[in-house]
Amino acid sequence: MQVNPKVSTTEYPPVTEAANWIADRVFPDDLPLINVSQAVPGYTTSEEVLKHIADVVHEPAVSKYGHVLGLPELREAVAKDLAQQHQTIDASNIAITAGCNQAFHVTMTALVNPGDEVMLPLPWYFNHKMSLDMLGINTVPLPCATESQLIPDADVAASLITEKTRAIVLITPNNPTGQEYPASVIENFYALCRDRGIALILDETYRDFRADTETPAHPVFADPAWHDTVIQLYSFSKSYALAGYRIGTIAASQKLLMEITKVLDSVSICAPLVSQRAAIFALQNAQQWRREKCSLMHQRASAFSDAMKSNQHGFQITAMGAYFAYLEHPFELPSRQVARYLSDEGNLLALPGEMFGPNQQKFLRVAFANVSRQTMPEIARRLAAFRPVDHHI
């Protein structure tokens, strides 16, 4: 049986690959596994949300189909949440998806023709690249300088735009680097995309973990015509620890959402209704909990930064923020090999930079948000203990 070559040539899921490195292993008490490979909250959602879910599952309505673009109450709640900082967003601009990865995939399906181009800053989020590959969309890498902490430059992007370019994707705060892009950078990309007639995709999955959540991350939505250019993506996985419930959102023009409706109806019909009800309740009742978890992430980031300052390990923080640190390793080895040895010998599971695009052999991604503050010095200790010469390379 033949398979679709666009799928067979797509990269194998990196998190699954890394998980296979430790499959069936038993870890000793004196060197337990530290898993910083996948961005997932190291805590459950709030008790109030859990109690609400327990009640909701008994309602007959949640076992039926819902509206393709999401429950009206959730679309309204998402728009209201965004409108606290961005007054030009309405419920009619919102779609609900089964996670943010689905939000990206269906958006690309509705927006971009096979053979056209989408620009991704390097390092990129691997699932974005995987979706583009499977859809037959060409990825244009946008190089980002390490001296600028891997923040993309709109002038560099402008030089790479061709007649086939349909969109530029920005993730802020970024995955995998954790870097929060300044508002001026996003504004520059908005002006570029608006003037060139291409889409600006803003993946703001980690927006609730910015350094300053009291002010808008950017001025883009202040323009009443934002939806002619911008498509914003969001996830409940991190902000409300609802990763397994699979709830994401799209903010876009009503015209584009009409096309996305066709794609969603052919994929999932609707996001799980129990999950949508949980998201509504979370938006209305878990704001203080969300702020507390944002503060917790900042504390973990500070603890990781402090632990790495000894620099006895040779690993350097290239960029950091939100959930992640992007480290440059000191060895003349590809990052996949370094990551594998850290897993095998140090029981420290991190992702190699090679999983995030070309020319990333010198980097590792650490999802420090997964572990407690007390664990950060142990991460630094295990990095310091790693010596590739011990492996006879």
Protein backbone atom coordinates (compact mmCIF):
# COMPACT_ATOMS: atom_id res chain seq x y z
CA MET A 1 0.00 0.00 0.00
CA GLN A 2 1.36 3.41 -0.96
CA VAL A 3 1.17 6.39 1.36
CA ASN A 4 1.09 10.08 0.63
CA PRO A 5 4.73 11.06 -0.04
CA LYS A 6 4.14 14.50 1.46
CA VAL A 7 3.34 12.75 4.73
CA SER A 8 6.01 10.06 4.51
CA THR A 9 8.72 12.68 3.95
CA THR A 10 7.51 14.84 6.84
CA GLU A 11 9.63 14.76 9.99
CA TYR A 12 8.64 12.21 12.62
CA PRO A 13 7.10 13.93 15.70
CA PRO A 14 10.12 15.18 17.70
CA VAL A 15 8.53 14.83 21.14
CA THR A 16 7.60 11.24 20.31
CA GLU A 17 11.12 10.55 19.09
CA ALA A 18 12.57 11.88 22.33
CA ALA A 19 10.05 9.93 24.40
CA ASN A 20 11.24 6.77 22.66
CA TRP A 21 14.75 7.42 23.99
CA ILE A 22 13.54 6.75 27.53
CA ALA A 23 10.84 4.17 26.78
CA ASP A 24 10.97 1.14 29.09
CA ARG A 25 13.84 2.60 31.12
CA VAL A 26 13.89 2.42 34.91
CA PHE A 27 15.54 5.40 36.59
CA PRO A 28 17.44 5.05 39.88
CA ASP A 29 16.43 6.98 42.97
CA ASP A 30 19.76 8.79 43.07
CA LEU A 31 19.43 9.97 39.44
CA PRO A 32 15.72 10.24 38.58
CA LEU A 33 14.53 11.40 35.18
CA ILE A 34 14.22 15.16 34.67
CA ASN A 35 11.97 15.63 31.65
CA VAL A 36 12.24 19.08 30.10
CA SER A 37 11.36 17.96 26.58
CA GLN A 38 7.71 18.90 26.13
CA ALA A 39 6.00 22.15 27.04
CA VAL A 40 3.29 20.97 29.40
CA PRO A 41 2.29 22.50 32.73
CA GLY A 42 3.68 20.62 35.70
CA TYR A 43 0.38 21.06 37.53
CA THR A 44 -3.30 20.40 36.95
CA THR A 45 -5.92 23.00 36.17
CA SER A 46 -7.64 24.79 39.03
CA GLU A 47 -9.81 22.84 41.46
CA GLU A 48 -12.80 24.99 40.54
CA VAL A 49 -12.42 24.11 36.86
CA LEU A 50 -12.07 20.41 37.71
CA LYS A 51 -15.25 20.49 39.79
CA HIS A 52 -17.08 22.24 36.96
CA ILE A 53 -15.93 19.60 34.47
CA ALA A 54 -17.18 16.84 36.79
CA ASP A 55 -20.62 18.44 36.76
CA VAL A 56 -20.68 19.18 33.04
CA VAL A 57 -19.93 15.61 31.90
CA HIS A 58 -23.35 14.53 33.15
CA GLU A 59 -25.19 16.97 30.89
CA PRO A 60 -26.68 15.27 27.80
CA ALA A 61 -25.86 18.25 25.56
CA VAL A 62 -22.09 17.75 25.81
CA SER A 63 -22.33 14.35 24.10
CA LYS A 64 -23.82 15.93 20.97
CA TYR A 65 -22.28 17.95 18.16
CA GLY A 66 -21.75 21.65 18.59
CA HIS A 67 -21.38 24.56 16.20
CA VAL A 68 -18.39 24.12 13.93
CA LEU A 69 -16.78 27.43 14.98
CA GLY A 70 -17.45 26.77 18.66
CA LEU A 71 -20.03 27.41 21.33
CA PRO A 72 -21.32 30.99 21.05
CA GLU A 73 -20.69 31.53 24.77
CA LEU A 74 -17.04 30.54 24.39
CA ARG A 75 -16.49 32.66 21.30
CA GLU A 76 -17.98 35.59 23.21
CA ALA A 77 -15.81 34.88 26.26
CA VAL A 78 -12.64 34.64 24.18
CA ALA A 79 -13.45 37.90 22.40
CA LYS A 80 -14.16 39.58 25.74
CA ASP A 81 -10.85 38.32 27.14
CA LEU A 82 -8.96 39.69 24.14
CA ALA A 83 -10.95 42.92 24.19
CA GLN A 84 -9.55 43.78 27.62
CA GLN A 85 -6.49 44.88 25.66
CA HIS A 86 -7.74 44.89 22.07
CA GLN A 87 -11.08 46.63 21.60
CA THR A 88 -11.57 45.74 17.94
CA ILE A 89 -12.18 42.00 18.36
CA ASP A 90 -15.71 40.61 18.24
CA ALA A 91 -17.10 37.13 18.83
CA SER A 92 -17.72 36.87 15.08
CA ASN A 93 -13.92 37.02 14.64
CA ILE A 94 -13.34 33.94 16.84
CA ALA A 95 -13.22 30.24 16.01
CA ILE A 96 -12.66 27.42 18.51
CA THR A 97 -10.46 24.49 17.55
CA ALA A 98 -9.23 21.23 19.06
CA GLY A 99 -5.94 22.72 20.19
CA CYS A 100 -3.66 25.36 18.69
CA ASN A 101 -1.91 22.90 16.38
CA GLN A 102 -5.25 22.28 14.71
CA ALA A 103 -5.82 26.03 14.59
CA PHE A 104 -2.60 26.44 12.62
CA HIS A 105 -3.23 23.47 10.33
CA VAL A 106 -6.76 24.44 9.34
CA THR A 107 -5.70 28.07 8.86
CA MET A 108 -2.93 27.04 6.49
CA THR A 109 -5.31 24.70 4.65
CA ALA A 110 -7.81 27.52 4.12
CA LEU A 111 -5.27 30.24 3.37
CA VAL A 112 -2.38 28.85 1.31
CA ASN A 113 -2.21 26.93 -1.96
CA PRO A 114 0.14 23.94 -2.30
CA GLY A 115 3.36 25.19 -3.88
CA ASP A 116 3.10 28.65 -2.33
CA GLU A 117 5.39 29.90 0.44
CA VAL A 118 5.11 30.61 4.17
CA MET A 119 7.98 32.20 6.11
CA LEU A 120 9.02 30.74 9.47
CA PRO A 121 11.70 32.36 11.67
CA LEU A 122 14.57 30.10 12.68
CA PRO A 123 14.51 28.24 14.96
CA TRP A 124 10.92 27.28 14.16
CA TYR A 125 8.23 25.32 15.97
CA PHE A 126 8.45 21.86 14.43
CA ASN A 127 4.70 21.22 14.25
CA HIS A 128 4.28 24.34 12.11
CA LYS A 129 6.89 23.02 9.69
CA MET A 130 5.30 19.56 9.72
CA SER A 131 1.89 20.98 8.80
CA LEU A 132 3.34 22.98 5.93
CA ASP A 133 5.22 19.95 4.61
CA MET A 134 2.14 17.74 4.67
CA LEU A 135 0.09 20.41 2.91
CA GLY A 136 2.70 20.83 0.16
CA ILE A 137 3.45 24.42 1.23
CA ASN A 138 7.04 25.56 0.86
CA THR A 139 8.74 26.83 4.02
CA VAL A 140 11.03 29.84 3.68
CA PRO A 141 13.45 30.02 6.65
CA LEU A 142 13.85 33.47 8.17
CA PRO A 143 17.30 33.56 9.85
CA CYS A 144 17.50 35.24 13.25
CA ALA A 145 20.80 36.43 14.70
CA THR A 146 21.96 35.03 18.03
CA GLU A 147 23.31 38.45 19.00
CA SER A 148 19.75 39.79 18.85
CA GLN A 149 18.51 36.90 21.01
CA LEU A 150 16.90 35.28 17.96
CA ILE A 151 14.39 38.08 17.40
CA PRO A 152 13.38 38.23 13.71
CA ASP A 153 13.96 41.34 11.62
CA ALA A 154 11.24 42.65 9.31
CA ASP A 155 13.82 44.08 6.90
CA VAL A 156 15.39 40.65 6.48
CA ALA A 157 11.94 39.16 5.96
CA ALA A 158 11.17 41.78 3.31
CA SER A 159 14.18 40.65 1.28
CA LEU A 160 12.86 37.08 1.24
CA ILE A 161 9.31 37.82 0.07
CA THR A 162 8.49 36.54 -3.42
CA GLU A 163 5.37 36.45 -5.56
CA LYS A 164 4.58 33.09 -3.94
CA THR A 165 4.78 34.32 -0.33
CA ARG A 166 1.39 34.07 1.38
CA ALA A 167 2.18 34.47 5.08
CA ILE A 168 4.78 35.13 7.77
CA VAL A 169 4.43 33.28 11.08
CA LEU A 170 5.54 34.77 14.41
CA ILE A 171 5.32 33.01 17.77
CA THR A 172 5.61 35.35 20.72
CA PRO A 173 6.66 34.53 23.37
CA ASN A 174 8.53 32.11 21.18
CA ASN A 175 8.64 28.36 21.02
CA PRO A 176 11.41 27.09 21.13
CA THR A 177 13.44 30.07 22.35
CA GLY A 178 11.10 31.58 24.95
CA GLN A 179 11.98 35.02 23.58
CA GLU A 180 9.27 37.67 23.86
CA TYR A 181 9.22 39.89 20.78
CA PRO A 182 9.08 43.65 21.44
CA ALA A 183 5.90 45.39 20.36
CA SER A 184 7.89 47.42 17.82
CA VAL A 185 9.04 44.21 16.10
CA ILE A 186 5.49 42.93 15.73
CA GLU A 187 4.36 46.35 14.52
CA ASN A 188 7.10 46.32 11.86
CA PHE A 189 6.02 42.89 10.64
CA TYR A 190 2.39 44.01 10.60
CA ALA A 191 3.26 47.01 8.43
CA LEU A 192 5.31 44.79 6.12
CA CYS A 193 2.59 42.19 5.69
CA ARG A 194 -0.14 44.81 5.29
CA ASP A 195 1.83 46.67 2.63
CA ARG A 196 2.75 43.49 0.74
CA GLY A 197 -0.75 41.99 0.94
CA ILE A 198 0.26 38.84 2.81
CA ALA A 199 -0.98 37.37 6.08
CA LEU A 200 0.70 37.78 9.45
CA ILE A 201 0.08 34.73 11.63
CA LEU A 202 0.57 35.56 15.32
CA ASP A 203 0.76 32.45 17.49
CA GLU A 204 0.33 33.78 21.02
CA THR A 205 0.00 30.48 22.86
CA TYR A 206 2.30 31.76 25.62
CA ARG A 207 0.97 35.32 25.81
CA ASP A 208 -0.18 34.94 29.43
CA PHE A 209 3.41 34.31 30.54
CA ARG A 210 4.86 37.58 29.23
CA ALA A 211 6.96 39.72 31.52
CA ASP A 212 4.21 42.36 31.57
CA THR A 213 0.68 41.09 31.03
CA GLU A 214 -0.97 44.34 32.09
CA THR A 215 -0.24 46.10 28.81
CA PRO A 216 -0.90 44.88 25.25
CA ALA A 217 1.83 42.78 23.67
CA HIS A 218 1.53 44.85 20.49
CA PRO A 219 -0.62 47.57 18.89
CA VAL A 220 -1.78 45.49 15.93
CA PHE A 221 -5.38 45.04 17.04
CA ALA A 222 -5.79 48.76 17.60
CA ASP A 223 -6.17 49.04 13.82
CA PRO A 224 -9.86 48.42 12.97
CA ALA A 225 -8.68 46.79 9.74
CA TRP A 226 -6.42 44.27 11.54
CA HIS A 227 -8.37 41.30 10.18
CA ASP A 228 -7.35 42.15 6.62
CA THR A 229 -3.81 41.09 7.55
CA VAL A 230 -3.63 39.34 10.94
CA ILE A 231 -4.64 35.85 12.05
CA GLN A 232 -4.06 35.30 15.75
CA LEU A 233 -3.82 31.84 17.36
CA TYR A 234 -4.11 30.95 21.04
CA SER A 235 -4.28 27.89 23.29
CA PHE A 236 -5.81 26.97 26.63
CA SER A 237 -3.19 24.25 27.11
CA LYS A 238 -0.64 26.37 28.98
CA SER A 239 -2.58 29.29 30.46
CA TYR A 240 -5.20 27.06 32.08
CA ALA A 241 -3.37 23.70 32.16
CA LEU A 242 -5.96 22.14 29.83
CA ALA A 243 -3.50 20.56 27.40
CA GLY A 244 -5.29 17.21 27.20
CA TYR A 245 -8.66 18.88 26.70
CA ARG A 246 -7.51 20.29 23.34
CA ILE A 247 -8.90 23.80 23.09
CA GLY A 248 -7.39 26.45 20.83
CA THR A 249 -8.67 29.60 19.16
CA ILE A 250 -8.37 31.55 15.93
CA ALA A 251 -9.01 35.29 15.67
CA ALA A 252 -9.47 36.29 12.04
CA SER A 253 -11.77 37.95 9.55
CA GLN A 254 -15.30 36.61 9.18
CA LYS A 255 -14.49 35.90 5.53
CA LEU A 256 -11.58 33.62 6.38
CA LEU A 257 -13.54 31.93 9.17
CA MET A 258 -16.19 30.97 6.61
CA GLU A 259 -13.51 29.05 4.72
CA ILE A 260 -12.05 27.58 7.90
CA THR A 261 -15.53 26.32 8.76
CA LYS A 262 -15.33 24.00 5.74
CA VAL A 263 -11.99 22.61 6.89
CA LEU A 264 -13.04 22.13 10.50
CA ASP A 265 -16.27 20.41 9.49
CA SER A 266 -14.22 17.89 7.54
CA VAL A 267 -11.72 17.30 10.35
CA SER A 268 -13.30 17.39 13.81
CA ILE A 269 -16.75 18.97 13.21
CA CYS A 270 -16.30 20.75 16.54
CA ALA A 271 -13.91 20.89 19.46
CA PRO A 272 -15.00 18.65 22.39
CA LEU A 273 -17.96 20.27 24.11
CA VAL A 274 -16.84 19.26 27.61
CA SER A 275 -13.57 21.03 26.90
CA GLN A 276 -15.32 24.10 25.54
CA ARG A 277 -17.46 24.32 28.66
CA ALA A 278 -14.31 24.00 30.78
CA ALA A 279 -12.73 26.86 28.80
CA ILE A 280 -15.77 29.10 29.32
CA PHE A 281 -15.67 28.49 33.06
CA ALA A 282 -11.90 29.06 33.18
CA LEU A 283 -12.16 32.40 31.39
CA GLN A 284 -14.90 33.54 33.75
CA ASN A 285 -13.59 32.16 37.04
CA ALA A 286 -9.88 31.34 36.88
CA GLN A 287 -8.28 34.70 36.12
CA GLN A 288 -6.58 34.97 39.50
CA TRP A 289 -5.37 31.37 39.14
CA ARG A 290 -3.97 32.26 35.70
CA ARG A 291 -2.09 35.24 37.14
CA GLU A 292 -0.67 33.09 39.94
CA LYS A 293 0.64 30.55 37.43
CA CYS A 294 2.19 33.33 35.38
CA SER A 295 4.03 34.46 38.52
CA LEU A 296 5.10 30.87 39.17
CA MET A 297 6.58 30.61 35.67
CA HIS A 298 8.53 33.82 36.23
CA GLN A 299 9.90 32.36 39.46
CA ARG A 300 10.95 29.19 37.64
CA ALA A 301 12.60 31.23 34.91
CA SER A 302 14.57 33.20 37.51
CA ALA A 303 15.57 30.00 39.29
CA PHE A 304 16.80 28.46 36.06
CA SER A 305 18.73 31.58 35.11
CA ASP A 306 20.35 31.70 38.56
CA ALA A 307 21.27 28.02 38.39
CA MET A 308 22.96 28.52 35.02
CA LYS A 309 25.05 31.52 36.12
CA SER A 310 27.85 29.42 37.56
CA ASN A 311 28.78 28.59 33.93
CA GLN A 312 30.87 25.61 35.03
CA HIS A 313 29.05 23.56 32.44
CA GLY A 314 29.86 25.60 29.33
CA PHE A 315 26.22 25.84 28.24
CA GLN A 316 25.10 29.39 27.43
CA ILE A 317 21.55 30.79 27.47
CA THR A 318 20.98 32.26 24.00
CA ALA A 319 17.36 33.25 24.60
CA MET A 320 14.85 32.62 27.36
CA GLY A 321 11.34 33.44 28.57
CA ALA A 322 7.82 32.12 29.15
CA TYR A 323 8.31 28.33 29.17
CA PHE A 324 11.68 27.85 27.52
CA ALA A 325 15.42 28.40 27.49
CA TYR A 326 17.38 27.93 24.28
CA LEU A 327 20.90 26.82 25.19
CA GLU A 328 24.07 26.78 23.15
CA HIS A 329 26.17 23.73 24.01
CA PRO A 330 29.99 23.84 24.05
CA PHE A 331 30.77 20.62 22.18
CA GLU A 332 31.84 19.88 18.62
CA LEU A 333 28.89 17.56 18.25
CA PRO A 334 25.47 17.79 16.63
CA SER A 335 22.76 18.68 19.12
CA ARG A 336 20.83 15.46 18.60
CA GLN A 337 23.87 13.51 19.75
CA VAL A 338 24.35 15.77 22.78
CA ALA A 339 20.66 15.48 23.71
CA ARG A 340 20.74 11.71 23.35
CA TYR A 341 23.80 11.38 25.58
CA LEU A 342 22.28 13.67 28.20
CA SER A 343 19.24 11.41 28.18
CA ASP A 344 21.20 8.16 28.30
CA GLU A 345 23.87 9.14 30.83
CA GLY A 346 22.43 12.10 32.71
CA ASN A 347 18.75 11.10 32.75
CA LEU A 348 18.01 14.63 31.52
CA LEU A 349 15.61 14.69 28.57
CA ALA A 350 15.79 17.89 26.48
CA LEU A 351 15.18 18.46 22.79
CA PRO A 352 18.03 19.06 20.33
CA GLY A 353 18.07 22.23 18.26
CA GLU A 354 18.14 20.15 15.09
CA MET A 355 14.47 19.40 15.69
CA PHE A 356 13.77 23.12 15.23
CA GLY A 357 15.22 23.65 11.78
CA PRO A 358 18.52 23.90 9.89
CA ASN A 359 21.70 25.33 11.41
CA GLN A 360 20.58 24.54 14.95
CA GLN A 361 23.20 21.88 15.70
CA LYS A 362 24.70 23.94 18.52
CA PHE A 363 21.51 24.32 20.56
CA LEU A 364 19.21 22.52 23.00
CA ARG A 365 15.71 23.51 24.11
CA VAL A 366 14.86 23.21 27.79
CA ALA A 367 11.20 23.46 28.81
CA PHE A 368 11.98 24.62 32.35
CA ALA A 369 8.32 25.34 33.11
CA ASN A 370 7.75 21.59 33.53
CA VAL A 371 9.79 21.31 36.75
CA SER A 372 9.98 22.97 40.15
CA ARG A 373 12.33 25.76 41.15
CA GLN A 374 14.14 23.33 43.43
CA THR A 375 15.06 21.19 40.42
CA MET A 376 16.91 23.93 38.52
CA PRO A 377 20.29 23.53 40.28
CA GLU A 378 20.18 19.81 39.55
CA ILE A 379 19.66 20.53 35.85
CA ALA A 380 22.74 22.75 35.87
CA ARG A 381 24.69 20.09 37.78
CA ARG A 382 23.85 17.40 35.24
CA LEU A 383 24.84 19.67 32.38
CA ALA A 384 28.15 20.35 34.12
CA ALA A 385 28.73 16.62 34.63
CA PHE A 386 28.32 15.82 30.93
CA ARG A 387 31.62 15.08 29.20
CA PRO A 388 31.42 13.80 25.62
CA VAL A 389 34.96 12.45 25.84
CA ASP A 390 33.58 9.81 28.18
CA HIS A 391 31.66 8.42 25.22
CA HIS A 392 34.79 7.92 23.09
CA ILE A 393 33.57 10.14 20.28
